[in-house]
Protein backbone atom coordinates (compact mmCIF):
# COMPACT_ATOMS: atom_id res chain seq x y z
CA MET A 1 30.25 19.19 -135.59
CA ALA A 2 29.79 17.06 -132.53
CA ARG A 3 32.61 15.16 -131.10
CA ARG A 4 32.61 11.99 -129.01
CA ALA A 5 34.37 12.11 -125.55
CA ALA A 6 38.02 11.09 -125.41
CA PRO A 7 38.25 7.16 -124.43
CA PRO A 8 40.40 6.49 -121.31
CA PRO A 9 44.08 6.91 -121.94
CA ASP A 10 44.72 3.12 -121.84
CA ALA A 11 42.47 3.34 -125.13
CA PRO A 12 43.53 -0.09 -127.25
CA ARG A 13 46.42 0.34 -129.97
CA LEU A 14 47.39 -1.89 -132.66
CA PRO A 15 50.86 -3.65 -132.50
CA PRO A 16 52.91 -2.42 -135.10
CA ASP A 17 53.77 -5.90 -136.69
CA VAL A 18 50.41 -6.10 -137.12
CA VAL A 19 49.78 -2.12 -138.37
CA ALA A 20 53.09 -3.15 -140.81
CA ARG A 21 50.84 -6.07 -142.21
CA LEU A 22 48.07 -4.17 -142.29
CA ARG A 23 49.47 -1.40 -144.51
CA GLU A 24 51.31 -4.16 -147.11
CA GLU A 25 47.18 -4.68 -148.24
CA LEU A 26 46.34 -1.29 -148.03
CA PRO A 27 46.23 -0.76 -152.00
CA GLY A 28 44.36 -3.88 -152.49
CA THR A 29 41.73 -2.98 -149.86
CA ALA A 30 41.36 0.50 -151.34
CA GLU A 31 40.67 -1.21 -155.16
CA ARG A 32 38.23 -3.27 -153.30
CA VAL A 33 36.37 -0.55 -151.51
CA VAL A 34 36.44 1.67 -154.84
CA ALA A 35 35.10 -1.65 -156.61
CA GLY A 36 32.45 -2.07 -154.25
CA ILE A 37 30.99 1.13 -154.57
CA THR A 38 30.73 1.44 -158.25
CA ALA A 39 28.73 -2.09 -158.07
CA ASP A 40 26.83 -0.89 -154.99
CA VAL A 41 25.94 2.56 -155.80
CA PRO A 42 24.89 3.51 -159.55
CA SER A 43 25.38 7.43 -159.10
CA TYR A 44 28.77 6.34 -158.93
CA ARG A 45 29.89 4.23 -161.66
CA THR A 46 30.48 6.70 -164.29
CA ALA A 47 31.88 9.23 -161.14
CA LEU A 48 34.80 6.49 -160.11
CA ALA A 49 35.65 5.63 -164.32
CA GLY A 50 39.15 6.59 -165.49
CA PRO A 51 41.40 9.43 -163.49
CA MET A 52 38.54 10.05 -160.61
CA GLY A 53 38.69 6.56 -159.91
CA MET A 54 42.39 6.76 -159.39
CA ALA A 55 41.94 9.50 -157.19
CA ILE A 56 38.96 8.28 -154.96
CA ARG A 57 41.83 5.15 -154.62
CA ASP A 58 44.22 7.17 -153.78
CA ALA A 59 42.17 8.82 -151.13
CA VAL A 60 41.00 5.78 -149.49
CA GLN A 61 44.35 4.55 -149.30
CA THR A 62 45.64 7.87 -147.63
CA ALA A 63 42.70 7.62 -145.32
CA LEU A 64 43.31 3.95 -144.10
CA GLY A 65 46.77 4.81 -143.60
CA GLY A 66 45.92 7.55 -141.36
CA PHE A 67 43.84 5.51 -139.29
CA LEU A 68 46.07 2.88 -138.78
CA SER A 69 49.07 5.48 -138.09
CA LEU A 70 46.48 6.84 -135.09
CA ALA A 71 45.46 3.12 -133.96
CA SER A 72 49.18 2.20 -133.56
CA GLY A 73 49.99 5.61 -131.84
CA ARG A 74 52.25 7.10 -133.91
CA VAL A 75 50.11 9.98 -134.67
CA ARG A 76 48.55 11.39 -131.71
CA ARG A 77 45.44 13.77 -131.48
CA ALA A 78 44.15 15.75 -128.44
CA GLY A 79 43.15 13.80 -125.79
CA GLY A 80 44.84 10.60 -127.26
CA ASP A 81 41.71 9.23 -129.19
CA PRO A 82 42.64 6.94 -132.27
CA ARG A 83 38.87 7.34 -133.12
CA THR A 84 39.20 10.96 -134.21
CA PRO A 85 40.23 11.60 -137.58
CA THR A 86 43.31 14.47 -138.02
CA ALA A 87 42.27 17.63 -139.28
CA SER A 88 43.84 16.98 -142.43
CA ALA A 89 41.44 14.26 -142.42
CA VAL A 90 38.70 16.15 -141.77
CA GLU A 91 39.04 18.71 -143.72
CA GLY A 92 39.95 16.40 -146.64
CA ALA A 93 36.52 14.80 -146.13
CA TYR A 94 34.59 18.44 -145.37
CA GLN A 95 36.16 19.05 -148.98
CA LEU A 96 34.31 15.67 -150.68
CA GLY A 97 30.99 16.55 -149.21
CA ARG A 98 31.69 20.00 -150.85
CA GLY A 99 32.45 18.92 -154.25
CA GLU A 100 29.56 15.99 -154.03
CA ALA A 101 27.12 18.87 -153.53
CA ARG A 102 28.76 20.68 -157.00
CA SER A 103 28.39 17.57 -158.57
CA GLY A 104 25.03 17.13 -157.91
CA ARG A 105 24.72 13.92 -155.98
CA SER A 106 23.11 13.48 -152.39
CA THR A 107 24.11 12.63 -149.47
CA ASP A 108 22.32 9.62 -149.66
CA ALA A 109 24.93 8.37 -152.42
CA LEU A 110 27.90 9.65 -150.86
CA LEU A 111 26.79 8.10 -147.38
CA ALA A 112 25.91 4.75 -148.29
CA ALA A 113 29.91 5.05 -150.66
CA TYR A 114 30.89 5.52 -146.91
CA ARG A 115 28.69 2.50 -145.17
CA ILE A 116 30.04 0.24 -148.30
CA GLY A 117 33.46 1.58 -147.74
CA ALA A 118 33.51 0.81 -143.78
CA ARG A 119 31.93 -2.76 -144.31
CA ILE A 120 34.69 -3.43 -147.13
CA SER A 121 37.85 -2.22 -145.03
CA TRP A 122 36.41 -3.98 -141.87
CA ARG A 123 36.20 -6.95 -144.02
CA GLU A 124 39.53 -6.90 -145.21
CA LEU A 125 41.26 -5.68 -142.19
CA SER A 126 39.66 -7.63 -139.88
CA THR A 127 40.84 -10.44 -141.58
CA ILE A 128 44.03 -9.91 -142.01
CA ALA A 129 44.15 -8.56 -138.05
CA VAL A 130 42.83 -12.37 -137.26
CA ARG A 131 45.65 -13.99 -139.10
CA GLU A 132 48.36 -11.85 -137.55
CA GLY A 133 47.28 -12.98 -133.83
CA LEU A 134 44.86 -10.32 -132.81
CA ASP A 135 42.88 -11.89 -129.81
CA PRO A 136 38.96 -11.61 -129.64
CA ALA A 137 38.90 -8.69 -127.42
CA GLN A 138 41.62 -6.87 -129.57
CA VAL A 139 39.76 -7.59 -132.36
CA ALA A 140 36.62 -6.00 -131.21
CA ALA A 141 38.41 -3.22 -129.70
CA PHE A 142 39.99 -2.85 -133.66
CA ALA A 143 36.12 -2.74 -134.97
CA GLU A 144 35.22 0.33 -132.86
CA LEU A 145 38.12 2.15 -133.64
CA ILE A 146 37.55 1.86 -137.75
CA PHE A 147 34.04 2.34 -137.98
CA ALA A 148 34.20 5.31 -135.57
CA PHE A 149 36.69 6.84 -137.87
CA ILE A 150 34.97 6.32 -140.76
CA ASP A 151 31.54 7.91 -139.00
CA GLU A 152 33.60 10.91 -138.25
CA LEU A 153 34.90 11.50 -142.15
CA SER A 154 31.39 10.88 -143.30
CA ALA A 155 29.83 13.39 -141.08
CA ALA A 156 32.59 15.62 -141.93
CA SER A 157 31.42 15.16 -145.50
CA ALA A 158 27.74 15.20 -144.90
CA ALA A 159 28.28 18.83 -143.13
CA GLY A 160 30.62 20.14 -146.38
CA HIS A 161 27.48 18.73 -148.53
CA ALA A 162 24.80 20.80 -146.94
CA ASP A 163 27.46 23.71 -146.60
CA GLU A 164 28.21 23.62 -150.51
CA LEU A 165 24.18 23.54 -150.68
CA ALA A 166 23.07 26.35 -148.40
CA GLU A 167 25.89 28.53 -150.25
CA SER A 168 24.94 27.57 -153.63
CA ASP A 169 21.49 28.36 -152.49
CA ARG A 170 22.29 31.54 -151.07
CA GLN A 171 24.31 32.78 -154.41
CA ARG A 172 21.64 31.67 -156.84
CA ARG A 173 18.81 33.71 -154.53
CA GLU A 174 21.36 36.69 -155.00
CA LEU A 175 21.58 36.21 -158.63
CA LEU A 176 17.63 35.65 -158.86
CA ASP A 177 17.04 38.82 -157.02
CA ARG A 178 19.69 40.75 -159.03
CA LEU A 179 17.50 39.35 -162.05
CA THR A 180 14.39 40.08 -160.76
CA ARG A 181 15.41 43.95 -160.16
CA LEU A 182 16.96 44.39 -163.44
CA LEU A 183 13.95 42.99 -165.07
CA LEU A 184 11.23 45.73 -163.15
CA GLU A 185 13.98 48.42 -164.03
CA ASP A 186 14.08 47.28 -168.32
CA GLY A 187 17.56 46.85 -167.69
CA PRO A 188 20.16 45.77 -170.84
CA ALA A 189 18.88 42.48 -172.44
CA GLU A 190 22.47 41.45 -172.35
CA THR A 191 22.63 41.45 -168.60
CA VAL A 192 19.62 39.76 -168.32
CA LEU A 193 20.69 36.76 -170.32
CA ASP A 194 23.84 36.59 -168.74
CA LEU A 195 22.49 36.67 -164.92
CA ALA A 196 19.69 34.37 -166.01
CA GLY A 197 22.35 31.79 -167.17
CA ARG A 198 24.12 31.96 -164.06
CA ALA A 199 21.52 31.44 -161.97
CA GLU A 200 20.43 28.42 -164.26
CA TRP A 201 16.86 30.23 -164.54
CA PRO A 202 15.17 29.52 -167.92
CA LEU A 203 14.38 32.88 -169.87
CA PRO A 204 10.19 32.46 -170.48
CA HIS A 205 8.20 33.87 -172.93
CA THR A 206 6.23 36.33 -170.89
CA LEU A 207 6.18 37.37 -167.49
CA THR A 208 3.34 38.81 -165.59
CA ALA A 209 4.00 41.11 -162.51
CA VAL A 210 1.90 40.71 -159.45
CA ALA A 211 2.07 42.77 -156.43
CA VAL A 212 1.74 41.12 -152.92
CA PRO A 213 0.86 41.83 -149.44
CA PRO A 214 4.08 40.01 -147.79
CA ALA A 215 1.64 38.05 -145.49
CA GLN A 216 -0.03 36.61 -148.46
CA VAL A 217 3.17 35.60 -150.77
CA ARG A 218 2.91 31.92 -149.33
CA PRO A 219 -0.54 31.12 -150.91
CA VAL A 220 -0.26 33.01 -154.26
CA LEU A 221 2.93 31.25 -154.86
CA ALA A 222 1.44 27.76 -154.31
CA VAL A 223 -0.73 28.48 -157.25
CA VAL A 224 1.92 29.65 -159.77
CA PRO A 225 5.33 28.21 -161.20
CA ALA A 226 7.98 27.14 -159.20
CA THR A 227 10.32 29.30 -161.75
CA THR A 228 8.49 32.73 -160.63
CA LEU A 229 10.52 35.44 -159.31
CA VAL A 230 10.34 36.68 -155.82
CA LEU A 231 11.52 40.08 -154.79
CA ALA A 232 10.68 40.57 -150.85
CA GLU A 233 10.27 43.98 -150.95
CA ALA A 234 8.73 45.91 -154.38
CA PRO A 235 10.33 49.19 -155.87
CA GLY A 236 8.53 52.29 -153.99
CA GLY A 237 6.54 49.91 -151.82
CA PRO A 238 6.23 47.37 -148.73
CA ASP A 239 4.36 44.83 -150.87
CA ALA A 240 6.15 41.87 -152.64
CA VAL A 241 6.53 41.97 -156.20
CA LEU A 242 6.21 38.39 -158.25
CA LEU A 243 7.24 37.73 -161.94
CA VAL A 244 5.39 34.90 -163.10
CA PRO A 245 6.39 33.29 -165.87
CA ASP A 246 4.25 31.68 -168.93
CA LEU A 247 0.60 31.93 -167.61
CA ASP A 248 -1.86 30.61 -169.60
CA GLU A 249 -5.60 31.02 -169.63
CA ARG A 250 -6.41 28.62 -166.73
CA GLY A 251 -2.97 29.37 -164.96
CA ARG A 252 -3.87 33.01 -165.13
CA ALA A 253 -7.52 32.34 -163.96
CA ALA A 254 -6.02 30.41 -160.72
CA LEU A 255 -4.25 32.99 -159.99
CA LEU A 256 -6.62 35.74 -159.97
CA ARG A 257 -9.01 33.20 -158.00
CA THR A 258 -6.09 33.04 -155.33
CA ALA A 259 -5.49 37.29 -155.51
CA ALA A 260 -8.96 37.86 -154.51
CA ASP A 261 -9.36 39.60 -151.48
CA ARG A 262 -5.78 39.14 -150.53
CA GLY A 263 -4.75 42.75 -151.54
CA CYS A 264 -2.73 41.68 -154.76
CA VAL A 265 -2.56 43.60 -157.80
CA VAL A 266 -2.12 41.11 -161.12
CA GLY A 267 -0.98 43.12 -164.65
CA PRO A 268 -0.82 41.85 -167.94
CA PRO A 269 1.45 39.48 -169.50
CA ARG A 270 4.01 40.88 -171.53
CA PRO A 271 7.48 39.41 -173.49
CA TRP A 272 10.05 38.84 -170.87
CA ALA A 273 12.38 41.95 -172.19
CA GLU A 274 9.52 43.81 -171.23
CA ALA A 275 8.55 42.68 -167.95
CA SER A 276 8.73 46.32 -166.81
CA ALA A 277 5.65 47.61 -168.48
CA SER A 278 3.86 44.83 -166.97
CA TRP A 279 5.32 45.39 -163.10
CA GLN A 280 4.75 50.16 -164.20
CA ARG A 281 0.99 49.19 -164.60
CA VAL A 282 1.09 46.94 -161.34
CA ALA A 283 2.56 49.98 -159.79
CA ARG A 284 0.30 52.71 -161.06
CA ALA A 285 -2.90 50.28 -160.17
CA ARG A 286 -1.53 50.14 -156.76
CA ASP A 287 -1.27 53.77 -156.14
CA LEU A 288 -4.53 54.26 -157.36
CA GLY A 289 -5.82 51.80 -154.48
CA LEU A 290 -7.08 49.41 -157.07
CA THR A 291 -6.48 45.41 -156.97
CA GLY A 292 -6.95 42.29 -158.84
CA ASP A 293 -6.71 42.41 -162.15
CA THR A 294 -5.29 45.53 -163.90
CA ASP A 295 -7.07 44.34 -167.21
CA GLU A 296 -10.60 45.16 -165.08
CA HIS A 297 -9.39 48.71 -164.47
CA LEU A 298 -7.88 49.69 -168.04
CA VAL A 299 -10.07 52.80 -167.63
CA ALA A 300 -9.12 54.01 -164.70
CA LEU A 301 -5.87 53.83 -165.37
CA VAL A 302 -5.95 55.71 -168.39
CA LEU A 303 -7.78 58.40 -167.09
CA ALA A 304 -4.96 58.62 -164.07
CA ALA A 305 -1.95 58.22 -166.67
CA ASP A 306 -1.46 62.07 -166.57
CA ALA A 307 -3.83 63.35 -163.45
CA ALA A 308 -2.99 66.95 -164.36
CA ALA A 309 -3.74 66.96 -167.77
CA ARG A 310 -6.88 65.49 -166.82
CA ASP A 311 -7.65 68.41 -164.36
CA ASP A 312 -6.89 70.65 -167.12
CA LEU A 313 -9.02 69.25 -169.60
CA ARG A 314 -11.91 69.11 -167.07
CA ARG A 315 -11.85 72.97 -166.12
CA ARG A 316 -11.65 73.75 -170.06
CA VAL A 317 -14.66 71.51 -170.91
CA LEU A 318 -16.65 72.98 -167.57
CA ALA A 319 -15.76 76.26 -168.31
CA PRO A 320 -19.24 77.27 -169.83
CA LEU A 321 -20.78 76.25 -166.47
CA ASP A 322 -18.75 79.24 -164.41
CA GLY A 323 -20.63 81.64 -162.51
CA LEU A 324 -22.88 79.28 -161.65
CA ARG A 325 -23.52 78.48 -157.88
CA PRO A 326 -20.86 74.96 -156.49
CA ALA A 327 -24.07 73.24 -155.64
CA SER A 328 -25.79 74.06 -159.44
CA VAL A 329 -22.29 73.06 -161.15
CA GLU A 330 -22.19 69.90 -159.04
CA ARG A 331 -25.82 68.91 -160.43
CA LEU A 332 -25.52 70.02 -163.74
CA VAL A 333 -22.10 68.07 -163.93
CA GLU A 334 -23.75 64.81 -162.46
CA THR A 335 -26.89 65.23 -165.17
CA LEU A 336 -24.06 65.73 -168.10
CA ARG A 337 -22.23 62.64 -166.65
CA ALA A 338 -25.30 60.04 -166.96
CA TRP A 339 -26.27 61.56 -170.13
CA LEU A 340 -23.29 60.91 -171.83
CA LEU A 341 -22.88 57.56 -170.76
CA HIS A 342 -26.44 56.06 -171.29
CA GLN A 343 -26.40 58.41 -174.64
CA GLY A 344 -28.79 60.87 -174.01
CA ARG A 345 -31.93 58.37 -173.21
CA ARG A 346 -34.11 59.99 -170.87
CA GLU A 347 -35.44 57.45 -168.67
CA ASP A 348 -32.20 55.97 -168.41
CA VAL A 349 -30.36 58.99 -167.32
CA ALA A 350 -33.50 59.68 -164.64
CA ALA A 351 -33.47 56.31 -163.40
CA ALA A 352 -29.53 56.41 -163.05
CA LEU A 353 -30.06 59.86 -160.64
CA PHE A 354 -33.10 58.87 -159.02
CA VAL A 355 -34.90 61.70 -160.20
CA HIS A 356 -38.09 62.57 -162.51
CA PRO A 357 -37.61 62.31 -166.62
CA GLN A 358 -38.66 66.25 -166.13
CA THR A 359 -36.02 66.73 -164.03
CA VAL A 360 -33.60 65.79 -166.40
CA ARG A 361 -35.31 67.79 -169.39
CA TYR A 362 -35.05 70.51 -167.27
CA ARG A 363 -31.31 70.35 -166.32
CA MET A 364 -29.88 69.21 -169.89
CA GLN A 365 -31.95 72.59 -171.03
CA GLN A 366 -29.89 74.35 -168.80
CA LEU A 367 -27.04 72.75 -169.98
CA ARG A 368 -27.73 73.20 -174.03
CA GLU A 369 -28.23 77.22 -173.01
CA ARG A 370 -24.30 76.62 -171.60
CA TYR A 371 -23.11 74.84 -174.43
CA GLY A 372 -24.94 75.18 -177.44
CA GLU A 373 -24.19 73.20 -180.48
CA ALA A 374 -21.26 72.26 -178.83
CA LEU A 375 -23.13 69.42 -177.17
CA ASP A 376 -23.44 67.73 -180.67
CA ASP A 377 -19.99 68.00 -181.28
CA PRO A 378 -17.75 64.70 -181.31
CA ALA A 379 -14.76 66.35 -180.28
CA THR A 380 -16.61 67.82 -177.57
CA VAL A 381 -18.41 64.98 -176.74
CA LEU A 382 -15.04 63.01 -176.29
CA ALA A 383 -13.28 65.36 -174.40
CA LEU A 384 -16.32 65.64 -171.81
CA VAL A 385 -16.74 61.87 -171.68
CA VAL A 386 -12.57 61.58 -170.86
CA ALA A 387 -12.81 64.82 -168.36
CA LEU A 388 -16.01 63.38 -166.61
CA GLY A 389 -15.22 59.66 -166.61
């Protein structure tokens, strides 16, 4: 915190008799300071009632008493500057700022309270000082002392407020990171509920997992709810992962529009306790090099779910072609796939393969010679569709 340069050694001090008279009025001054703050700062009207109000009155009286000790020369700081509060006063103001942040009040309210306190304190104490015979030059010096003193205290409180918010934000981010990882790993529901409560994160009905390249996180976050969970690095990859709560149809459409051409992968919505299922689908799609809406890649995801099993199935259903030259096998497999997809319509198969219909007829004759009646068996057809998909 910035400090003012120390004043000259002959900085003015209050006469002892004036200080004694000012001390007699401190309880009433503190009472009026608190009344002024209560009247002019709405957020303190309830906070300063009852025991809290008594504690603040005592704190105000103690702070002003400490100031008078400094101003009278009874207590010295390094450099002899009576405008600089003692370490204990600064620490008290700093902790007050932290407490105000924990209570949810802003620095606007806190600094307004200091301004009101300074004004009322000056009005009360200067009236007494003038009555006790301080000349105009001494009164002016007294004004500088009291406002500089309170300014130091308000700066300490503002620093405490900022530090508390920064620490609270850091702690909340750590809790949300732990919560996100737990949801991705299908952790115990009890632990999820505990972390969500401690992080003050409202549990949604559904969560949608999204893998996002790091450079694209900001534009994607702009179109999703503020309560979206963000993990800077997804498990098993360099992308960030988002868990987006309660996307309706319009919200999902907006997300997909923003995700388009950004290399993102958007999973399906799932109940929050099953968020890991949404993430697992995203991870599989990402591993396959797919982007966009995973709902558009369901066939590819199903076919790739067990690559080894699919390879075994492919070898089994293509066994009738064993012994043919590789080039012949490739042409027949290509024709068989098109025949299955177009449900045997020769003209459509020919158009898909850019060949003459007679070529399709010739190749299908070769395939029937190899497969026989199996090509009319629904179980064989299903196996071929899956294997050649």
